[in-house]
Protein backbone atom coordinates (compact mmCIF):
# COMPACT_ATOMS: atom_id res chain seq x y z
CA UNK A 1 9.09 -90.60 46.03
CA UNK A 2 5.64 -91.93 45.27
CA UNK A 3 2.52 -89.78 45.15
CA UNK A 4 1.24 -91.44 48.31
CA UNK A 5 4.22 -90.82 50.45
CA UNK A 6 4.14 -87.97 52.93
CA UNK A 7 6.07 -84.72 52.15
CA UNK A 8 9.07 -83.66 54.17
CA UNK A 9 8.01 -80.02 54.12
CA UNK A 10 6.64 -78.93 57.59
CA UNK A 11 3.02 -78.00 57.69
CA UNK A 12 2.33 -78.50 54.06
CA UNK A 13 -0.02 -81.41 54.66
CA UNK A 14 -2.44 -79.28 56.77
CA UNK A 15 -2.32 -75.99 54.85
CA UNK A 16 -5.42 -76.49 52.70
CA UNK A 17 -7.59 -77.99 55.43
CA UNK A 18 -6.67 -75.65 58.24
CA UNK A 19 -6.67 -71.89 57.21
CA UNK A 20 -4.49 -69.26 58.92
CA UNK A 21 -5.96 -68.00 62.26
CA UNK A 22 -6.05 -64.40 61.02
CA UNK A 23 -7.62 -65.20 57.72
CA UNK A 24 -10.96 -63.40 58.45
CA UNK A 25 -9.00 -60.23 59.42
CA UNK A 26 -7.37 -60.40 56.06
CA UNK A 27 -10.78 -60.70 54.43
CA UNK A 28 -11.99 -57.58 56.29
CA UNK A 29 -8.82 -55.73 55.40
CA UNK A 30 -9.31 -56.63 51.77
CA UNK A 31 -12.86 -55.33 51.84
CA UNK A 32 -11.68 -52.01 53.48
CA UNK A 33 -8.84 -51.65 50.98
CA UNK A 34 -11.32 -52.05 48.13
CA UNK A 35 -13.88 -49.64 49.63
CA UNK A 36 -11.86 -47.04 51.59
CA UNK A 37 -11.11 -44.90 48.58
CA UNK A 38 -14.81 -44.49 47.86
CA UNK A 39 -15.60 -43.88 51.49
CA UNK A 40 -12.94 -41.18 51.71
CA UNK A 41 -14.25 -39.64 48.47
CA UNK A 42 -17.72 -39.56 49.92
CA UNK A 43 -16.59 -37.87 53.10
CA UNK A 44 -14.65 -35.31 51.08
CA UNK A 45 -17.71 -34.59 48.91
CA UNK A 46 -19.83 -34.02 52.06
CA UNK A 47 -17.27 -31.66 53.55
CA UNK A 48 -16.84 -29.67 50.33
CA UNK A 49 -20.62 -29.46 49.92
CA UNK A 50 -21.05 -28.23 53.48
CA UNK A 51 -18.51 -25.47 52.73
CA UNK A 52 -19.50 -24.76 49.12
CA UNK A 53 -23.19 -24.33 49.55
CA UNK A 54 -22.95 -21.39 52.08
CA UNK A 55 -20.18 -19.81 50.04
CA UNK A 56 -22.23 -20.11 46.86
CA UNK A 57 -25.32 -18.61 48.60
CA UNK A 58 -23.13 -15.65 49.86
CA UNK A 59 -21.55 -15.11 46.41
CA UNK A 60 -25.00 -15.12 44.67
CA UNK A 61 -26.54 -12.77 47.28
CA UNK A 62 -23.59 -10.37 46.97
CA UNK A 63 -23.82 -10.40 43.22
CA UNK A 64 -27.44 -9.22 43.50
CA UNK A 65 -26.56 -6.10 45.44
CA UNK A 66 -26.94 -2.91 43.35
CA UNK A 67 -23.66 -1.22 42.41
CA UNK A 68 -22.93 2.39 41.48
CA UNK A 69 -19.77 3.69 39.84
CA UNK A 70 -17.77 5.51 42.48
CA UNK A 71 -14.80 7.76 41.72
CA UNK A 72 -14.78 11.06 43.55
CA UNK A 73 -11.69 12.29 41.70
CA UNK A 74 -13.37 11.72 38.33
CA UNK A 75 -16.53 13.35 39.70
CA UNK A 76 -14.63 16.50 40.57
CA UNK A 77 -13.46 16.76 36.97
CA UNK A 78 -17.00 16.14 35.72
CA UNK A 79 -18.31 18.91 37.95
CA UNK A 80 -15.72 21.34 36.73
CA UNK A 81 -16.52 20.51 33.11
CA UNK A 82 -20.23 20.97 33.81
CA UNK A 83 -19.59 24.33 35.43
CA UNK A 84 -17.48 25.45 32.46
CA UNK A 85 -20.15 24.35 30.02
CA UNK A 86 -23.40 25.52 31.66
CA UNK A 87 -22.44 27.39 34.84
CA UNK A 88 -23.11 26.26 38.39
CA UNK A 89 -25.58 23.41 38.70
CA UNK A 90 -28.12 24.10 41.37
CA UNK A 91 -30.48 21.17 41.28
CA UNK A 92 -30.10 20.10 44.94
CA UNK A 93 -33.74 20.79 45.76
CA UNK A 94 -35.96 18.75 48.14
CA UNK A 95 -39.53 17.61 47.55
CA UNK A 96 -42.21 19.91 48.88
CA UNK A 97 -43.21 17.48 51.62
CA UNK A 98 -39.68 17.22 53.11
CA UNK A 99 -39.94 17.87 56.80
CA UNK A 100 -38.28 21.00 58.16
CA UNK A 101 -35.20 20.59 60.38
CA UNK A 102 -35.95 20.64 64.03
CA UNK A 103 -32.56 21.70 65.41
CA UNK A 104 -32.75 24.81 67.70
CA UNK A 105 -30.88 27.76 66.33
CA UNK A 106 -29.01 30.82 67.50
CA UNK A 107 -27.91 33.44 65.00
CA UNK A 108 -24.13 33.80 65.06
CA UNK A 109 -21.65 35.40 62.70
CA UNK A 110 -20.42 32.70 60.26
CA UNK A 111 -16.74 31.93 60.31
CA UNK A 112 -14.83 33.33 57.29
CA UNK A 113 -13.81 29.82 56.26
CA UNK A 114 -14.59 26.20 57.17
CA UNK A 115 -11.82 25.08 59.57
CA UNK A 116 -9.52 22.86 57.50
CA UNK A 117 -5.96 21.58 58.18
CA UNK A 118 -5.32 20.26 54.63
CA UNK A 119 -5.87 17.08 52.74
CA UNK A 120 -4.56 13.81 54.24
CA UNK A 121 -2.37 11.60 52.14
CA UNK A 122 -3.77 8.66 53.98
CA UNK A 123 -2.35 5.15 53.79
CA UNK A 124 -3.24 4.43 57.36
CA UNK A 125 -6.99 4.04 56.98
CA UNK A 126 -9.65 2.53 54.71
CA UNK A 127 -12.41 5.10 54.73
CA UNK A 128 -15.95 3.95 54.20
CA UNK A 129 -18.83 6.42 53.87
CA UNK A 130 -22.01 5.05 55.43
CA UNK A 131 -25.20 6.71 54.11
CA UNK A 132 -28.73 6.26 55.25
CA UNK A 133 -31.35 7.75 52.87
CA UNK A 134 -34.96 8.75 53.32
CA UNK A 135 -37.64 10.40 51.14
CA UNK A 136 -36.72 8.39 48.05
CA UNK A 137 -33.02 9.23 48.19
CA UNK A 138 -33.47 13.04 48.11
CA UNK A 139 -31.48 13.51 51.26
CA UNK A 140 -29.01 11.73 53.54
CA UNK A 141 -30.56 11.22 56.92
CA UNK A 142 -27.56 9.34 58.27
CA UNK A 143 -23.92 10.16 57.36
CA UNK A 144 -21.07 8.35 59.04
CA UNK A 145 -17.42 7.97 58.19
CA UNK A 146 -15.84 4.68 59.30
CA UNK A 147 -12.02 4.90 59.43
CA UNK A 148 -10.70 1.33 59.51
CA UNK A 149 -7.04 1.35 60.48
CA UNK A 150 -4.23 -0.54 58.76
CA UNK A 151 -1.52 0.68 61.20
CA UNK A 152 -2.75 -0.91 64.43
CA UNK A 153 -4.64 2.17 65.69
CA UNK A 154 -8.27 2.07 66.80
CA UNK A 155 -11.27 1.92 64.49
CA UNK A 156 -13.14 5.27 64.38
CA UNK A 157 -16.79 5.87 63.59
CA UNK A 158 -17.66 9.53 63.14
CA UNK A 159 -21.17 10.89 62.70
CA UNK A 160 -21.40 13.87 60.33
CA UNK A 161 -24.45 15.95 61.23
CA UNK A 162 -26.82 16.09 58.27
CA UNK A 163 -27.34 19.83 58.81
CA UNK A 164 -23.60 20.62 58.74
CA UNK A 165 -23.32 23.81 56.61
CA UNK A 166 -20.39 23.30 54.28
CA UNK A 167 -19.06 24.49 50.93
CA UNK A 168 -21.28 23.21 48.13
CA UNK A 169 -19.17 21.32 45.54
CA UNK A 170 -21.97 21.66 42.98
CA UNK A 171 -23.42 25.09 43.00
CA UNK A 172 -20.94 27.01 45.03
CA UNK A 173 -21.70 28.87 48.22
CA UNK A 174 -22.78 26.88 51.26
CA UNK A 175 -25.37 24.07 51.65
CA UNK A 176 -26.36 21.45 54.15
CA UNK A 177 -24.24 18.42 53.54
CA UNK A 178 -27.21 16.09 53.32
CA UNK A 179 -28.34 17.92 50.15
CA UNK A 180 -25.34 16.46 48.32
CA UNK A 181 -27.13 13.05 48.02
CA UNK A 182 -29.31 14.66 45.36
CA UNK A 183 -26.33 14.78 43.05
CA UNK A 184 -25.04 17.41 40.66
CA UNK A 185 -26.12 17.04 37.08
CA UNK A 186 -24.64 13.82 35.83
CA UNK A 187 -22.64 13.28 39.00
CA UNK A 188 -24.34 10.84 41.35
CA UNK A 189 -25.29 11.63 44.90
CA UNK A 190 -22.78 9.31 46.58
CA UNK A 191 -19.93 10.81 44.58
CA UNK A 192 -20.96 14.36 45.40
CA UNK A 193 -21.51 13.54 49.05
CA UNK A 194 -18.05 11.90 49.20
CA UNK A 195 -16.48 15.07 47.68
CA UNK A 196 -18.19 17.17 50.40
CA UNK A 197 -16.93 14.87 53.13
CA UNK A 198 -13.38 14.83 51.63
CA UNK A 199 -13.38 18.69 51.43
CA UNK A 200 -14.31 18.93 55.10
CA UNK A 201 -12.28 16.07 56.58
CA UNK A 202 -9.29 15.90 54.23
CA UNK A 203 -9.70 12.08 54.21
CA UNK A 204 -10.01 10.34 50.83
CA UNK A 205 -13.11 8.19 50.73
CA UNK A 206 -12.47 4.64 49.44
CA UNK A 207 -15.93 3.12 49.40
CA UNK A 208 -19.53 3.91 50.26
CA UNK A 209 -22.48 1.90 51.54
CA UNK A 210 -25.94 3.41 51.00
CA UNK A 211 -28.94 1.87 52.75
CA UNK A 212 -32.60 2.66 52.93
CA UNK A 213 -34.33 2.30 56.30
CA UNK A 214 -36.24 -0.80 55.37
CA UNK A 215 -32.96 -2.49 54.48
CA UNK A 216 -31.38 -1.27 57.72
CA UNK A 217 -34.22 -2.88 59.62
CA UNK A 218 -33.73 -6.20 57.78
CA UNK A 219 -30.02 -6.34 58.52
CA UNK A 220 -30.68 -5.80 62.20
CA UNK A 221 -33.14 -8.63 62.14
CA UNK A 222 -30.54 -10.79 60.30
CA UNK A 223 -28.02 -10.43 63.16
CA UNK A 224 -30.65 -11.21 65.80
CA UNK A 225 -31.67 -7.68 66.91
CA UNK A 226 -29.91 -5.02 68.97
CA UNK A 227 -30.13 -3.83 72.60
CA UNK A 228 -31.65 -0.49 73.58
CA UNK A 229 -31.51 0.79 77.16
CA UNK A 230 -33.69 3.58 78.60
CA UNK A 231 -33.96 4.96 82.09
CA UNK A 232 -37.75 5.42 81.98
CA UNK A 233 -40.77 4.18 80.10
CA UNK A 234 -40.28 5.71 76.72
CA UNK A 235 -42.55 6.23 73.66
CA UNK A 236 -43.15 8.23 70.51
CA UNK A 237 -46.54 7.95 68.84
CA UNK A 238 -45.31 9.65 65.72
CA UNK A 239 -42.95 6.91 64.63
CA UNK A 240 -43.93 3.92 62.57
CA UNK A 241 -44.22 1.53 64.36
CA UNK A 242 -44.83 3.52 67.50
CA UNK A 243 -41.82 3.58 69.76
CA UNK A 244 -42.64 1.83 73.06
CA UNK A 245 -39.94 0.80 75.50
CA UNK A 246 -40.30 0.01 79.16
CA UNK A 247 -37.56 1.19 81.53
CA UNK A 248 -34.45 -1.02 81.34
CA UNK A 249 -32.61 -2.81 78.51
CA UNK A 250 -34.41 -4.73 75.77
CA UNK A 251 -33.41 -6.74 72.72
CA UNK A 252 -35.48 -5.33 69.89
CA UNK A 253 -35.94 -6.13 66.23
CA UNK A 254 -35.18 -3.94 63.25
CA UNK A 255 -38.44 -1.98 63.09
CA UNK A 256 -38.37 -0.91 66.73
CA UNK A 257 -34.67 -0.12 66.53
CA UNK A 258 -35.40 2.07 63.49
CA UNK A 259 -38.17 3.92 65.41
CA UNK A 260 -35.62 4.58 68.19
CA UNK A 261 -32.96 6.10 65.92
CA UNK A 262 -35.49 8.21 64.02
CA UNK A 263 -37.65 9.41 66.88
CA UNK A 264 -37.86 13.25 67.00
CA UNK A 265 -40.54 13.49 69.63
CA UNK A 266 -39.31 11.06 72.23
CA UNK A 267 -41.43 11.14 75.43
CA UNK A 268 -40.70 9.53 78.78
CA UNK A 269 -42.64 8.93 81.96
CA UNK A 270 -40.78 10.11 85.12
CA UNK A 271 -42.49 9.59 88.53
CA UNK A 272 -45.84 9.23 86.80
CA UNK A 273 -45.41 12.47 84.82
CA UNK A 274 -44.96 12.46 81.03
CA UNK A 275 -42.35 14.78 79.63
CA UNK A 276 -40.31 15.35 76.48
CA UNK A 277 -37.02 13.54 76.79
CA UNK A 278 -34.28 16.15 77.31
CA UNK A 279 -31.78 16.80 74.58
CA UNK A 280 -33.61 15.16 71.72
CA UNK A 281 -32.29 16.74 68.52
CA UNK A 282 -30.35 15.63 65.47
CA UNK A 283 -27.09 15.42 67.51
CA UNK A 284 -28.79 13.04 69.98
CA UNK A 285 -30.14 11.02 67.11
CA UNK A 286 -26.59 10.78 65.72
CA UNK A 287 -25.50 9.25 69.03
CA UNK A 288 -28.32 6.69 68.86
CA UNK A 289 -27.38 5.82 65.31
CA UNK A 290 -23.73 5.30 66.23
CA UNK A 291 -24.77 3.06 69.11
CA UNK A 292 -26.80 0.81 66.83
CA UNK A 293 -24.05 0.66 64.16
CA UNK A 294 -21.45 -0.19 66.76
CA UNK A 295 -23.65 -3.07 67.91
CA UNK A 296 -23.92 -4.26 64.31
CA UNK A 297 -20.16 -4.03 63.94
CA UNK A 298 -19.80 -6.03 67.13
CA UNK A 299 -21.94 -8.80 65.70
CA UNK A 300 -20.06 -8.69 62.36
CA UNK A 301 -16.64 -8.87 64.10
CA UNK A 302 -17.48 -12.34 65.57
CA UNK A 303 -19.58 -14.42 63.22
CA UNK A 304 -20.58 -17.46 65.29
CA UNK A 305 -21.20 -19.65 62.30
CA UNK A 306 -21.52 -19.58 58.51
CA UNK A 307 -25.29 -19.62 58.62
CA UNK A 308 -25.42 -16.15 60.25
CA UNK A 309 -23.09 -14.77 57.62
CA UNK A 310 -25.30 -16.23 54.89
CA UNK A 311 -28.45 -14.84 56.52
CA UNK A 312 -26.86 -11.42 56.76
CA UNK A 313 -25.67 -11.26 53.15
CA UNK A 314 -28.97 -12.53 51.86
CA UNK A 315 -30.66 -9.67 53.78
CA UNK A 316 -28.62 -7.18 51.77
CA UNK A 317 -30.01 -7.36 48.18
CA UNK A 318 -32.53 -4.60 47.60
CA UNK A 319 -31.54 -2.95 50.85
CA UNK A 320 -28.13 -1.58 50.02
CA UNK A 321 -26.30 0.14 47.22
CA UNK A 322 -22.53 -0.27 47.19
CA UNK A 323 -19.66 1.43 45.40
CA UNK A 324 -18.61 -0.71 42.48
CA UNK A 325 -15.07 -1.16 43.88
CA UNK A 326 -16.28 -2.90 47.06
CA UNK A 327 -15.96 -6.56 46.05
CA UNK A 328 -17.02 -9.52 48.17
CA UNK A 329 -13.34 -10.39 48.87
CA UNK A 330 -12.63 -6.78 49.97
CA UNK A 331 -15.74 -6.75 52.21
CA UNK A 332 -14.66 -10.08 53.77
CA UNK A 333 -11.15 -8.76 54.24
CA UNK A 334 -12.51 -5.68 56.06
CA UNK A 335 -14.76 -7.91 58.24
CA UNK A 336 -11.78 -10.15 58.98
CA UNK A 337 -9.63 -7.18 60.02
CA UNK A 338 -12.45 -6.16 62.40
CA UNK A 339 -12.85 -9.60 63.78
CA UNK A 340 -12.36 -9.58 67.54
CA UNK A 341 -12.24 -5.84 67.80
CA UNK A 342 -13.71 -4.81 71.17
CA UNK A 343 -16.36 -2.26 70.53
CA UNK A 344 -15.45 -0.24 73.58
CA UNK A 345 -12.13 0.51 71.89
CA UNK A 346 -13.88 2.17 68.87
CA UNK A 347 -13.29 5.94 68.72
CA UNK A 348 -16.63 7.88 68.38
CA UNK A 349 -15.54 11.55 68.40
CA UNK A 350 -18.29 14.14 67.94
CA UNK A 351 -17.81 17.03 65.55
CA UNK A 352 -18.21 20.24 67.65
CA UNK A 353 -20.70 22.64 66.13
CA UNK A 354 -22.45 25.89 66.77
CA UNK A 355 -26.10 26.61 65.72
CA UNK A 356 -26.61 29.15 62.92
CA UNK A 357 -29.46 30.55 60.88
CA UNK A 358 -28.39 31.16 57.31
CA UNK A 359 -29.48 34.16 55.30
CA UNK A 360 -32.14 31.99 53.64
CA UNK A 361 -33.62 31.22 57.07
CA UNK A 362 -32.30 27.69 57.02
CA UNK A 363 -31.38 26.25 60.42
CA UNK A 364 -27.97 24.74 60.08
CA UNK A 365 -24.81 23.74 62.02
CA UNK A 366 -21.39 25.25 61.60
CA UNK A 367 -18.19 23.29 62.51
CA UNK A 368 -16.03 25.16 65.00
CA UNK A 369 -12.79 23.21 64.55
CA UNK A 370 -10.99 21.22 61.86
CA UNK A 371 -11.62 17.54 61.43
CA UNK A 372 -7.96 16.84 62.25
CA UNK A 373 -8.41 18.61 65.60
CA UNK A 374 -11.54 16.62 66.31
CA UNK A 375 -9.66 13.35 65.65
CA UNK A 376 -6.61 14.52 67.64
CA UNK A 377 -4.35 13.94 64.68
CA UNK A 378 -2.50 17.21 65.15
CA UNK A 379 -1.52 15.96 68.63
CA UNK A 380 0.10 12.78 67.40
């Protein structure tokens, strides 16, 4: 066959001059095959960055929170050793300008013993002691015990009145429980307060969170404020800032919420007449504090987005002191366990008390039943 003769192979003569109809699709496919790996890598980097940046910010903020060694069992041994070496330590004194308690009193015979049903070998709860301090940490103005269940039961938040008159783990005898925050020799205040709480409740304390009031205010702002409802126009000119609420429900920021929970001279206007709000005492303030903390827990149990979590954790440094065993992963685990918990299901039992004037003239509160009875555990 000569070079000029046509080939017998079908279509061969037109192949070079007439490309395949789908040739441009092949070109696009080739471009995609060459580029898709880098495009996918770029998308992955963006996703990882979007996740990693908030996580890194949370981790850094959490690492800046002040930590205190916390081991109530070891603290008991230290107190015993101090007592053997130098006798009872009695340094739980308040500064001279500490305000006097305002709880009304009635002199009653003290009970022979603090009601107690025994220590609880508790694997059913994680117990977190929540402490709010004032006056430079000399006293605990807020004491709450959060009992976070691991057995499917309801979360409990129990206010412990600051004037509750209990056995003093440090100096012996009896003392207001809020005095324990001043510590005992080398034993820190949170450890001593945890011991006092354990001796009264029988519940081992796992962790503590200690906040000052400025920090509490900042955390409220970080979650977008809280709601306060009052029946009448309400005010207190002795708080800072001055408490001022019109009748109804209002979303307020941290500073106004703080004035509400701390107000001791709450006044209200009823039918044009100003009067002292009935029932304003430390027990009423405990109820206000619980209501605010429950709202915070409600916000924490349903984070709408990572940005709110980041803002909250970044509000913590300088505002809170934590027990050294409360890691970020543990805190996230607790928050996750609480996620979706309806706040109306949270148990908020009140410790029943009677008023008493101690031999020193101190106005204090005496518990009239055991903590187990208050929680209804003896009935289960």
